[in-house]
Amino acid sequence: MKKEYMHLAAEANGPAEAFERLSRIIAILRKECPWDRKQTHESLKSCLIEEAYEVIEAIEKKDPQNLEEELGDVLLQVVHHARIEEEQGTFNFQDVCDGICKKLILRHPHV
């Protein structure tokens, strides 16, 4: 990655900053990386499935370090799909988070 973006690889000061950096990196890649720019929901389907299987494998192996890495890969897929929709003006990652928060609250009235 270009030198001007290297600061994005630093440790985050909390989850909000971590997500903001990931979001920014995906936005940069969607503009500047030929591979990322041409990806679609269709082209990324197999990547999402593969990453989900790798999470399951890390769980089965009881390997927390690998689980951390694989969860990051799944998160990358989610953010990438949300970014594609944001570019089309339909929804963004915040909408995805808001939606799951509402769903969790509605499904857990006992809490």
N, C-alpha and C. Protein backbone atom coordinates (compact mmCIF):
# COMPACT_ATOMS: atom_id res chain seq x y z
N MET A 1 0.85 -1.18 0.00
CA MET A 1 0.00 0.00 0.00
C MET A 1 0.89 1.24 0.00
N LYS A 2 0.38 2.31 -0.53
CA LYS A 2 1.14 3.56 -0.62
C LYS A 2 1.53 4.07 0.76
N LYS A 3 2.66 4.75 0.80
CA LYS A 3 3.19 5.29 2.06
C LYS A 3 2.16 6.18 2.76
N GLU A 4 1.39 6.92 2.00
CA GLU A 4 0.41 7.84 2.59
C GLU A 4 -0.70 7.12 3.37
N TYR A 5 -0.82 5.82 3.16
CA TYR A 5 -1.86 5.06 3.85
C TYR A 5 -1.31 4.19 4.99
N MET A 6 -0.01 4.18 5.18
CA MET A 6 0.58 3.28 6.17
C MET A 6 0.08 3.53 7.59
N HIS A 7 -0.33 4.75 7.90
CA HIS A 7 -0.85 5.04 9.24
C HIS A 7 -2.12 4.23 9.53
N LEU A 8 -2.77 3.75 8.50
CA LEU A 8 -4.00 2.97 8.69
C LEU A 8 -3.71 1.57 9.23
N ALA A 9 -2.45 1.17 9.24
CA ALA A 9 -2.07 -0.15 9.76
C ALA A 9 -1.77 -0.12 11.26
N ALA A 10 -1.78 1.06 11.87
CA ALA A 10 -1.48 1.18 13.31
C ALA A 10 -2.60 0.59 14.15
N GLU A 11 -2.28 0.28 15.39
CA GLU A 11 -3.29 -0.22 16.32
C GLU A 11 -4.35 0.85 16.57
N ALA A 12 -5.59 0.44 16.63
CA ALA A 12 -6.70 1.37 16.85
C ALA A 12 -6.87 1.67 18.34
N ASN A 13 -7.44 2.82 18.62
CA ASN A 13 -7.78 3.21 19.98
C ASN A 13 -9.28 2.98 20.20
N GLY A 14 -9.68 1.73 20.18
CA GLY A 14 -11.07 1.39 20.41
C GLY A 14 -11.76 0.87 19.16
N PRO A 15 -12.91 0.23 19.36
CA PRO A 15 -13.62 -0.41 18.25
C PRO A 15 -14.12 0.55 17.18
N ALA A 16 -14.54 1.74 17.57
CA ALA A 16 -15.05 2.70 16.58
C ALA A 16 -13.93 3.11 15.62
N GLU A 17 -12.76 3.38 16.17
CA GLU A 17 -11.63 3.76 15.33
C GLU A 17 -11.20 2.58 14.45
N ALA A 18 -11.22 1.38 15.01
CA ALA A 18 -10.84 0.20 14.22
C ALA A 18 -11.77 0.03 13.03
N PHE A 19 -13.06 0.16 13.28
CA PHE A 19 -14.00 0.02 12.18
C PHE A 19 -13.82 1.14 11.15
N GLU A 20 -13.63 2.35 11.62
CA GLU A 20 -13.46 3.49 10.71
C GLU A 20 -12.26 3.26 9.79
N ARG A 21 -11.17 2.75 10.35
CA ARG A 21 -9.98 2.48 9.54
C ARG A 21 -10.27 1.39 8.50
N LEU A 22 -10.92 0.31 8.92
CA LEU A 22 -11.26 -0.75 7.99
C LEU A 22 -12.15 -0.22 6.87
N SER A 23 -13.12 0.56 7.23
CA SER A 23 -14.02 1.15 6.25
C SER A 23 -13.26 2.03 5.25
N ARG A 24 -12.34 2.80 5.78
CA ARG A 24 -11.56 3.70 4.92
C ARG A 24 -10.65 2.91 3.99
N ILE A 25 -10.05 1.85 4.51
CA ILE A 25 -9.17 1.01 3.67
C ILE A 25 -9.98 0.38 2.54
N ILE A 26 -11.16 -0.14 2.84
CA ILE A 26 -11.99 -0.74 1.79
C ILE A 26 -12.37 0.31 0.75
N ALA A 27 -12.71 1.51 1.20
CA ALA A 27 -13.05 2.59 0.26
C ALA A 27 -11.86 2.90 -0.65
N ILE A 28 -10.66 2.95 -0.09
CA ILE A 28 -9.46 3.21 -0.88
C ILE A 28 -9.24 2.09 -1.89
N LEU A 29 -9.36 0.85 -1.42
CA LEU A 29 -9.14 -0.28 -2.32
C LEU A 29 -10.17 -0.31 -3.45
N ARG A 30 -11.42 0.04 -3.14
CA ARG A 30 -12.46 0.04 -4.17
C ARG A 30 -12.18 1.10 -5.24
N LYS A 31 -11.44 2.13 -4.88
CA LYS A 31 -11.10 3.18 -5.85
C LYS A 31 -9.78 2.91 -6.56
N GLU A 32 -8.80 2.35 -5.84
CA GLU A 32 -7.44 2.31 -6.37
C GLU A 32 -6.91 0.94 -6.75
N CYS A 33 -7.53 -0.13 -6.30
CA CYS A 33 -7.04 -1.47 -6.61
C CYS A 33 -7.89 -2.08 -7.73
N PRO A 34 -7.28 -2.44 -8.84
CA PRO A 34 -8.05 -2.99 -9.95
C PRO A 34 -8.88 -4.23 -9.56
N TRP A 35 -8.31 -5.13 -8.74
CA TRP A 35 -9.04 -6.32 -8.34
C TRP A 35 -10.25 -5.96 -7.49
N ASP A 36 -10.05 -5.15 -6.46
CA ASP A 36 -11.14 -4.77 -5.57
C ASP A 36 -12.22 -3.98 -6.31
N ARG A 37 -11.81 -3.13 -7.22
CA ARG A 37 -12.73 -2.28 -7.95
C ARG A 37 -13.72 -3.10 -8.78
N LYS A 38 -13.27 -4.21 -9.32
CA LYS A 38 -14.15 -4.99 -10.20
C LYS A 38 -15.01 -6.02 -9.46
N GLN A 39 -14.83 -6.14 -8.15
CA GLN A 39 -15.60 -7.14 -7.41
C GLN A 39 -17.07 -6.76 -7.30
N THR A 40 -17.91 -7.79 -7.32
CA THR A 40 -19.36 -7.64 -7.18
C THR A 40 -19.83 -8.62 -6.12
N HIS A 41 -21.10 -8.52 -5.75
CA HIS A 41 -21.65 -9.51 -4.81
C HIS A 41 -21.45 -10.92 -5.38
N GLU A 42 -21.72 -11.07 -6.65
CA GLU A 42 -21.58 -12.39 -7.30
C GLU A 42 -20.15 -12.90 -7.24
N SER A 43 -19.19 -12.05 -7.56
CA SER A 43 -17.80 -12.50 -7.60
C SER A 43 -17.25 -12.78 -6.20
N LEU A 44 -17.85 -12.20 -5.19
CA LEU A 44 -17.37 -12.38 -3.81
C LEU A 44 -18.09 -13.50 -3.06
N LYS A 45 -19.11 -14.09 -3.65
CA LYS A 45 -19.88 -15.13 -2.96
C LYS A 45 -18.99 -16.26 -2.46
N SER A 46 -18.13 -16.77 -3.31
CA SER A 46 -17.30 -17.91 -2.92
C SER A 46 -16.30 -17.51 -1.82
N CYS A 47 -15.86 -16.26 -1.84
CA CYS A 47 -14.94 -15.78 -0.79
C CYS A 47 -15.62 -15.80 0.57
N LEU A 48 -16.86 -15.35 0.62
CA LEU A 48 -17.60 -15.32 1.88
C LEU A 48 -17.81 -16.73 2.42
N ILE A 49 -18.18 -17.65 1.53
CA ILE A 49 -18.38 -19.04 1.95
C ILE A 49 -17.06 -19.64 2.45
N GLU A 50 -15.99 -19.42 1.71
CA GLU A 50 -14.68 -19.96 2.09
C GLU A 50 -14.26 -19.43 3.46
N GLU A 51 -14.44 -18.13 3.68
CA GLU A 51 -14.04 -17.55 4.97
C GLU A 51 -14.89 -18.10 6.11
N ALA A 52 -16.17 -18.32 5.86
CA ALA A 52 -17.03 -18.90 6.90
C ALA A 52 -16.55 -20.30 7.27
N TYR A 53 -16.19 -21.09 6.28
CA TYR A 53 -15.66 -22.43 6.55
C TYR A 53 -14.35 -22.35 7.33
N GLU A 54 -13.53 -21.37 7.03
CA GLU A 54 -12.27 -21.23 7.75
C GLU A 54 -12.49 -20.83 9.21
N VAL A 55 -13.54 -20.06 9.49
CA VAL A 55 -13.90 -19.74 10.87
C VAL A 55 -14.29 -21.03 11.59
N ILE A 56 -15.11 -21.84 10.95
CA ILE A 56 -15.54 -23.11 11.56
C ILE A 56 -14.34 -24.01 11.83
N GLU A 57 -13.42 -24.07 10.89
CA GLU A 57 -12.22 -24.88 11.07
C GLU A 57 -11.40 -24.40 12.27
N ALA A 58 -11.24 -23.09 12.42
CA ALA A 58 -10.49 -22.54 13.55
C ALA A 58 -11.18 -22.87 14.88
N ILE A 59 -12.52 -22.83 14.87
CA ILE A 59 -13.27 -23.19 16.08
C ILE A 59 -13.05 -24.66 16.41
N GLU A 60 -13.15 -25.50 15.40
CA GLU A 60 -12.98 -26.95 15.62
C GLU A 60 -11.58 -27.28 16.11
N LYS A 61 -10.59 -26.53 15.65
CA LYS A 61 -9.20 -26.76 16.09
C LYS A 61 -8.90 -26.08 17.43
N LYS A 62 -9.89 -25.33 17.94
CA LYS A 62 -9.71 -24.59 19.19
C LYS A 62 -8.46 -23.71 19.12
N ASP A 63 -8.36 -22.97 18.02
CA ASP A 63 -7.19 -22.14 17.74
C ASP A 63 -7.62 -20.67 17.76
N PRO A 64 -7.54 -20.01 18.93
CA PRO A 64 -8.03 -18.64 19.03
C PRO A 64 -7.28 -17.64 18.15
N GLN A 65 -5.99 -17.85 17.93
CA GLN A 65 -5.25 -16.92 17.06
C GLN A 65 -5.75 -17.01 15.63
N ASN A 66 -5.95 -18.23 15.15
CA ASN A 66 -6.47 -18.40 13.80
C ASN A 66 -7.92 -17.93 13.72
N LEU A 67 -8.70 -18.15 14.77
CA LEU A 67 -10.09 -17.68 14.81
C LEU A 67 -10.14 -16.17 14.68
N GLU A 68 -9.26 -15.48 15.39
CA GLU A 68 -9.20 -14.02 15.29
C GLU A 68 -8.97 -13.58 13.84
N GLU A 69 -8.00 -14.22 13.19
CA GLU A 69 -7.68 -13.88 11.80
C GLU A 69 -8.87 -14.17 10.87
N GLU A 70 -9.48 -15.32 11.05
CA GLU A 70 -10.57 -15.71 10.15
C GLU A 70 -11.82 -14.86 10.38
N LEU A 71 -12.08 -14.47 11.62
CA LEU A 71 -13.19 -13.55 11.86
C LEU A 71 -12.95 -12.22 11.17
N GLY A 72 -11.69 -11.79 11.16
CA GLY A 72 -11.34 -10.57 10.42
C GLY A 72 -11.63 -10.72 8.94
N ASP A 73 -11.34 -11.90 8.40
CA ASP A 73 -11.61 -12.14 6.98
C ASP A 73 -13.11 -12.11 6.68
N VAL A 74 -13.92 -12.66 7.60
CA VAL A 74 -15.37 -12.61 7.41
C VAL A 74 -15.85 -11.16 7.51
N LEU A 75 -15.31 -10.42 8.48
CA LEU A 75 -15.68 -9.01 8.61
C LEU A 75 -15.32 -8.24 7.35
N LEU A 76 -14.17 -8.53 6.79
CA LEU A 76 -13.77 -7.90 5.52
C LEU A 76 -14.83 -8.15 4.45
N GLN A 77 -15.31 -9.36 4.38
CA GLN A 77 -16.34 -9.68 3.38
C GLN A 77 -17.61 -8.87 3.62
N VAL A 78 -18.04 -8.78 4.86
CA VAL A 78 -19.25 -8.02 5.19
C VAL A 78 -19.07 -6.56 4.82
N VAL A 79 -17.94 -5.98 5.20
CA VAL A 79 -17.69 -4.57 4.90
C VAL A 79 -17.59 -4.35 3.39
N HIS A 80 -16.97 -5.29 2.70
CA HIS A 80 -16.83 -5.16 1.24
C HIS A 80 -18.22 -5.17 0.57
N HIS A 81 -19.07 -6.09 0.97
CA HIS A 81 -20.43 -6.14 0.40
C HIS A 81 -21.21 -4.87 0.73
N ALA A 82 -21.09 -4.40 1.96
CA ALA A 82 -21.78 -3.16 2.34
C ALA A 82 -21.25 -1.97 1.54
N ARG A 83 -19.96 -1.95 1.28
CA ARG A 83 -19.37 -0.86 0.51
C ARG A 83 -19.89 -0.85 -0.93
N ILE A 84 -20.04 -2.02 -1.51
CA ILE A 84 -20.59 -2.11 -2.86
C ILE A 84 -21.98 -1.48 -2.90
N GLU A 85 -22.79 -1.77 -1.88
CA GLU A 85 -24.14 -1.19 -1.82
C GLU A 85 -24.09 0.30 -1.54
N GLU A 86 -23.15 0.73 -0.71
CA GLU A 86 -23.01 2.16 -0.44
C GLU A 86 -22.69 2.92 -1.73
N GLU A 87 -21.83 2.34 -2.55
CA GLU A 87 -21.50 2.96 -3.84
C GLU A 87 -22.72 3.07 -4.75
N GLN A 88 -23.66 2.14 -4.58
CA GLN A 88 -24.88 2.16 -5.40
C GLN A 88 -25.99 2.99 -4.76
N GLY A 89 -25.72 3.47 -3.54
CA GLY A 89 -26.67 4.34 -2.87
C GLY A 89 -27.84 3.63 -2.20
N THR A 90 -27.71 2.33 -1.96
CA THR A 90 -28.82 1.58 -1.37
C THR A 90 -28.74 1.49 0.16
N PHE A 91 -27.57 1.14 0.69
CA PHE A 91 -27.35 1.11 2.14
C PHE A 91 -25.86 1.11 2.40
N ASN A 92 -25.49 1.25 3.68
CA ASN A 92 -24.07 1.21 4.04
C ASN A 92 -23.88 0.34 5.28
N PHE A 93 -22.65 0.26 5.77
CA PHE A 93 -22.37 -0.60 6.91
C PHE A 93 -23.11 -0.15 8.16
N GLN A 94 -23.25 1.14 8.35
CA GLN A 94 -24.00 1.62 9.51
C GLN A 94 -25.44 1.12 9.45
N ASP A 95 -26.03 1.11 8.27
CA ASP A 95 -27.39 0.58 8.12
C ASP A 95 -27.44 -0.90 8.49
N VAL A 96 -26.42 -1.64 8.10
CA VAL A 96 -26.34 -3.06 8.46
C VAL A 96 -26.30 -3.21 9.97
N CYS A 97 -25.45 -2.41 10.63
CA CYS A 97 -25.34 -2.47 12.10
C CYS A 97 -26.64 -2.04 12.76
N ASP A 98 -27.24 -0.96 12.28
CA ASP A 98 -28.51 -0.50 12.85
C ASP A 98 -29.58 -1.58 12.71
N GLY A 99 -29.61 -2.24 11.57
CA GLY A 99 -30.61 -3.28 11.33
C GLY A 99 -30.45 -4.46 12.27
N ILE A 100 -29.21 -4.92 12.48
CA ILE A 100 -29.02 -6.06 13.37
C ILE A 100 -29.27 -5.66 14.82
N CYS A 101 -28.96 -4.42 15.19
CA CYS A 101 -29.27 -3.96 16.56
C CYS A 101 -30.77 -3.99 16.81
N LYS A 102 -31.54 -3.47 15.87
CA LYS A 102 -33.00 -3.48 16.00
C LYS A 102 -33.52 -4.90 16.09
N LYS A 103 -33.00 -5.77 15.23
CA LYS A 103 -33.45 -7.17 15.22
C LYS A 103 -33.15 -7.84 16.56
N LEU A 104 -31.96 -7.61 17.11
CA LEU A 104 -31.59 -8.23 18.39
C LEU A 104 -32.49 -7.73 19.52
N ILE A 105 -32.77 -6.43 19.54
CA ILE A 105 -33.63 -5.88 20.58
C ILE A 105 -35.03 -6.45 20.47
N LEU A 106 -35.57 -6.50 19.26
CA LEU A 106 -36.93 -7.02 19.06
C LEU A 106 -37.03 -8.51 19.39
N ARG A 107 -35.98 -9.25 19.13
CA ARG A 107 -35.99 -10.70 19.38
C ARG A 107 -35.70 -11.06 20.84
N HIS A 108 -35.31 -10.09 21.62
CA HIS A 108 -34.96 -10.36 23.03
C HIS A 108 -35.72 -9.43 23.97
N PRO A 109 -37.04 -9.42 23.92
CA PRO A 109 -37.81 -8.53 24.80
C PRO A 109 -37.65 -8.88 26.28
N HIS A 110 -37.19 -10.09 26.56
CA HIS A 110 -36.99 -10.53 27.94
C HIS A 110 -35.73 -9.98 28.58
N VAL A 111 -34.88 -9.34 27.79
CA VAL A 111 -33.60 -8.80 28.32
C VAL A 111 -33.74 -7.31 28.58
